[in-house]
Protein backbone atom coordinates (compact mmCIF):
# COMPACT_ATOMS: atom_id res chain seq x y z
CA MET A 1 -9.49 71.68 107.89
CA GLY A 2 -7.14 70.63 110.60
CA GLU A 3 -4.93 68.99 107.93
CA ASN A 4 -4.63 71.78 105.84
CA ALA A 5 -3.85 73.97 108.67
CA ASN A 6 -0.58 71.70 109.78
CA GLU A 7 0.28 71.72 105.85
CA GLN A 8 0.41 75.53 106.04
CA THR A 9 2.36 75.50 109.43
CA SER A 10 4.76 72.73 108.24
CA ALA A 11 5.33 75.15 105.03
CA GLY A 12 5.77 78.13 106.50
CA ARG A 13 7.96 76.63 109.12
CA PRO A 14 11.92 78.71 108.93
CA ARG A 15 14.46 76.02 108.02
CA ASP A 16 16.50 74.90 110.67
CA PRO A 17 20.12 76.48 109.91
CA ARG A 18 21.67 73.27 111.59
CA LEU A 19 20.21 70.98 109.09
CA ASP A 20 21.34 73.21 106.49
CA ALA A 21 24.76 73.13 108.07
CA ALA A 22 24.80 69.25 108.11
CA ILE A 23 23.73 69.16 104.41
CA ILE A 24 26.78 71.25 103.46
CA ASP A 25 29.14 69.48 105.60
CA ALA A 26 27.99 65.91 104.80
CA THR A 27 28.27 67.24 100.86
CA VAL A 28 31.78 68.50 100.90
CA ASP A 29 33.03 65.47 102.95
CA LEU A 30 31.50 62.84 100.25
CA LEU A 31 32.72 65.22 97.55
CA THR A 32 36.38 64.83 99.35
CA GLU A 33 35.73 60.66 100.11
CA ARG A 34 34.14 59.62 96.55
CA GLY A 35 34.28 62.69 94.06
CA TYR A 36 31.51 63.98 92.47
CA ASN A 37 30.30 61.17 90.07
CA GLU A 38 29.63 58.87 93.02
CA LEU A 39 28.14 61.40 95.26
CA SER A 40 24.21 60.87 95.45
CA LEU A 41 21.61 62.77 97.07
CA ALA A 42 20.45 59.47 99.24
CA ALA A 43 24.37 59.50 100.63
CA VAL A 44 24.13 63.04 101.63
CA ALA A 45 20.87 62.65 103.49
CA GLU A 46 21.85 59.86 105.17
CA ARG A 47 25.33 61.10 106.46
CA ALA A 48 23.39 64.39 107.51
CA GLU A 49 21.05 62.12 108.95
CA THR A 50 17.72 63.56 106.99
CA THR A 51 15.98 62.92 104.16
CA THR A 52 16.44 63.49 100.41
CA ALA A 53 12.90 65.40 100.62
CA ALA A 54 14.02 67.55 102.42
CA ILE A 55 17.34 68.20 100.65
CA TYR A 56 15.00 68.74 97.32
CA ARG A 57 13.21 71.22 99.23
CA ARG A 58 16.52 73.52 99.23
CA TYR A 59 18.23 72.41 96.20
CA GLY A 60 16.84 71.45 92.81
CA SER A 61 19.77 69.21 91.73
CA LYS A 62 22.72 67.52 92.94
CA SER A 63 25.01 70.21 90.73
CA GLU A 64 22.87 73.07 92.41
CA LEU A 65 23.61 71.31 96.00
CA VAL A 66 27.68 71.15 95.14
CA THR A 67 27.70 74.42 93.88
CA LYS A 68 26.31 75.96 97.13
CA ALA A 69 28.52 73.79 99.44
CA VAL A 70 31.86 74.32 97.86
CA PHE A 71 31.70 78.01 96.16
CA ARG A 72 29.38 79.57 98.93
CA THR A 73 30.45 82.70 100.34
CA ASP A 74 31.73 82.44 103.25
CA GLY A 75 31.73 85.46 105.86
CA ASP A 76 35.22 86.43 105.26
CA ASP A 77 34.64 86.63 101.61
CA VAL A 78 35.19 90.45 101.29
CA VAL A 79 36.46 92.45 98.56
CA ALA A 80 40.00 93.57 99.52
CA ASP A 81 40.46 97.06 99.73
CA THR A 82 43.62 98.71 101.23
CA GLY A 83 44.06 101.56 98.60
CA ASP A 84 47.13 99.72 96.74
CA LEU A 85 45.00 97.95 93.82
CA GLU A 86 47.55 95.46 92.99
CA ALA A 87 48.14 94.40 96.88
CA ASP A 88 44.23 93.77 97.08
CA LEU A 89 44.42 91.52 93.91
CA ALA A 90 47.25 89.58 94.87
CA THR A 91 45.36 88.95 98.26
CA MET A 92 41.98 87.81 96.60
CA ILE A 93 44.04 85.57 94.18
CA ARG A 94 45.49 83.91 97.11
CA TRP A 95 42.18 83.57 98.81
CA SER A 96 40.86 82.01 95.55
CA VAL A 97 43.56 79.57 95.38
CA GLU A 98 43.07 78.29 98.87
CA LYS A 99 39.65 77.59 98.21
CA LEU A 100 40.06 75.81 95.03
CA GLN A 101 42.71 73.78 96.35
CA ARG A 102 40.47 71.67 98.41
CA PRO A 103 39.71 68.53 97.58
CA ALA A 104 36.45 68.97 97.28
CA ALA A 105 36.49 71.86 95.35
CA LEU A 106 38.77 70.09 92.86
CA ALA A 107 36.23 67.09 92.88
CA ALA A 108 33.37 69.89 92.08
CA ILE A 109 34.98 71.51 89.26
CA ILE A 110 35.88 68.42 87.20
CA GLY A 111 32.60 67.13 88.09
CA LEU A 112 30.69 70.08 87.14
CA LEU A 113 32.27 70.31 83.83
CA GLY A 114 30.85 66.96 83.28
CA GLU A 115 27.01 68.18 83.28
CA SER A 116 24.96 69.54 80.63
CA LYS A 117 25.63 72.78 79.42
CA SER A 118 21.93 74.18 80.89
CA GLU A 119 22.93 72.86 84.14
CA ARG A 120 26.12 74.43 84.31
CA LYS A 121 24.57 77.51 83.11
CA LYS A 122 22.11 77.70 86.08
CA ASN A 123 24.91 77.46 88.50
CA VAL A 124 27.58 79.50 86.79
CA VAL A 125 26.88 82.80 89.23
CA GLU A 126 27.03 81.06 92.18
CA SER A 127 30.18 79.35 91.38
CA ARG A 128 32.01 82.45 90.30
CA SER A 129 31.69 84.56 93.91
CA ALA A 130 35.22 85.17 93.81
CA THR A 131 35.01 86.44 90.23
CA GLN A 132 32.09 88.96 91.36
CA LEU A 133 34.54 90.02 94.34
CA THR A 134 37.59 90.82 92.13
CA THR A 135 35.17 92.52 89.59
CA GLN A 136 34.22 94.51 92.78
CA ARG A 137 37.19 95.75 93.63
CA LEU A 138 38.35 96.58 89.89
CA GLU A 139 35.07 98.96 89.74
CA ARG A 140 36.15 100.69 92.48
CA ALA A 141 39.31 101.29 91.04
CA LYS A 142 37.86 102.54 87.93
CA ALA A 143 35.72 104.84 89.94
CA ALA A 144 39.16 106.13 91.54
CA GLY A 145 40.78 106.91 88.07
CA GLU A 146 43.36 104.22 88.44
CA LEU A 147 41.83 102.20 85.56
CA ARG A 148 40.58 103.20 82.20
CA SER A 149 37.18 104.51 82.17
CA ASP A 150 36.56 102.15 79.07
CA VAL A 151 38.17 99.16 80.89
CA ASP A 152 35.50 96.17 81.62
CA ALA A 153 35.98 95.45 85.00
CA ALA A 154 34.23 91.76 84.60
CA LEU A 155 36.73 90.94 81.58
CA LEU A 156 39.86 91.82 83.53
CA ALA A 157 38.69 89.44 86.72
CA SER A 158 37.82 86.66 84.07
CA LEU A 159 41.55 87.18 82.88
CA ILE A 160 42.75 86.53 86.72
CA ASP A 161 40.48 83.82 87.31
CA GLY A 162 41.34 81.65 84.06
CA PRO A 163 45.30 81.32 84.69
CA VAL A 164 44.58 80.70 88.24
CA LEU A 165 42.07 77.91 87.46
CA HIS A 166 44.48 76.60 84.86
CA VAL A 167 46.88 76.30 87.06
CA VAL A 168 44.72 74.68 89.80
CA LEU A 169 43.60 72.09 87.44
CA GLY A 170 47.07 70.73 86.62
CA GLY A 171 47.16 72.56 83.18
CA MET A 172 50.82 74.15 84.12
CA THR A 173 53.51 72.76 86.67
CA THR A 174 54.12 76.35 87.58
CA PRO A 175 53.59 77.05 91.30
CA ILE A 176 51.24 79.55 92.46
CA ASP A 177 53.46 81.61 94.85
CA ASP A 178 53.99 84.97 95.23
CA ALA A 179 56.20 85.57 92.39
CA TRP A 180 53.57 84.09 90.04
CA ILE A 181 50.50 86.12 91.32
CA ALA A 182 52.72 89.73 91.10
CA GLN A 183 53.09 88.74 87.51
CA LEU A 184 49.69 87.65 86.85
CA VAL A 185 48.72 91.06 88.43
CA GLN A 186 51.04 93.04 86.45
CA VAL A 187 50.23 91.64 83.08
CA VAL A 188 46.76 92.01 83.28
CA LEU A 189 46.50 95.63 84.42
CA ASN A 190 49.41 96.72 82.46
CA GLY A 191 46.78 97.80 79.60
CA ALA A 192 44.32 98.78 81.76
CA ARG A 193 45.80 101.37 84.02
CA ALA A 194 44.83 104.86 83.29
CA ASP A 195 48.28 106.26 82.07
CA ALA A 196 48.13 103.12 79.67
CA PRO A 197 48.48 103.98 75.90
CA ARG A 198 45.17 103.48 73.85
CA THR A 199 45.60 101.88 70.61
CA ALA A 200 42.56 101.77 67.89
CA PRO A 201 41.48 98.42 67.13
CA THR A 202 42.65 97.73 63.42
CA THR A 203 40.10 95.51 61.14
CA ARG A 204 42.61 93.57 58.41
CA HIS A 205 40.97 92.65 55.51
CA PRO A 206 42.38 89.55 53.39
CA LYS A 207 43.92 90.41 50.39
CA SER A 208 41.99 89.10 47.06
CA ARG A 209 43.25 85.82 46.02
CA THR A 210 41.60 86.02 42.88
CA HIS A 211 45.05 87.07 40.96
CA THR A 212 46.87 84.28 42.20
CA THR A 213 44.56 81.80 41.69
CA SER A 214 44.35 82.53 37.96
CA LYS A 215 48.08 82.25 37.75
CA THR A 216 48.06 79.19 39.96
CA ARG A 217 45.50 77.53 37.72
CA LYS A 218 47.46 78.82 34.34
CA VAL A 219 50.80 77.00 35.75
CA THR A 220 48.83 73.98 36.31
CA SER A 221 47.43 73.46 33.01
CA ARG A 222 50.73 73.72 31.65
């Protein structure tokens, strides 16, 4: 009975925030030093002066640990809302770029892309915290009448994040400066503003090629 009581006490004991922080810090440091593929939970446990069992009680896999460590929402991660939508989006893009350009973040992104589809799907929500904040700001703009009511705020946010991630990963040599950020915001918002003209989607039907094919066959047969 005493053994069971000890087990209940252990199971109900609150987690030590100091150990949580040590695990996170060790993960970020090792990602920076070794990269994602060379990172192991055993190495994290050794650096954090704990056990792999303690890590597994908190995180189900290496990818989950890395995602939480690198893309966690810090206390200063808030929705910028000064009343100026363009300026707010520019500010949030700068925050995102600053985080993504950290060595640990770059190592994490490259490594997580190599994980299985199911593993990536489990961690996608956590890794898109910046996108969620941008989406919230765009939703507020919709509610204030700055954007069209039929605009998909999440889609707009992804249209901002995509180019940023592309540049950060080296897909373009364009520097991410204030001019680039301002241009990106303008391009994304131009078709979404409340006063933007609305055009109905058109469906183009391919022309029948039966007649052309018949002619081709006749020419070929000659």
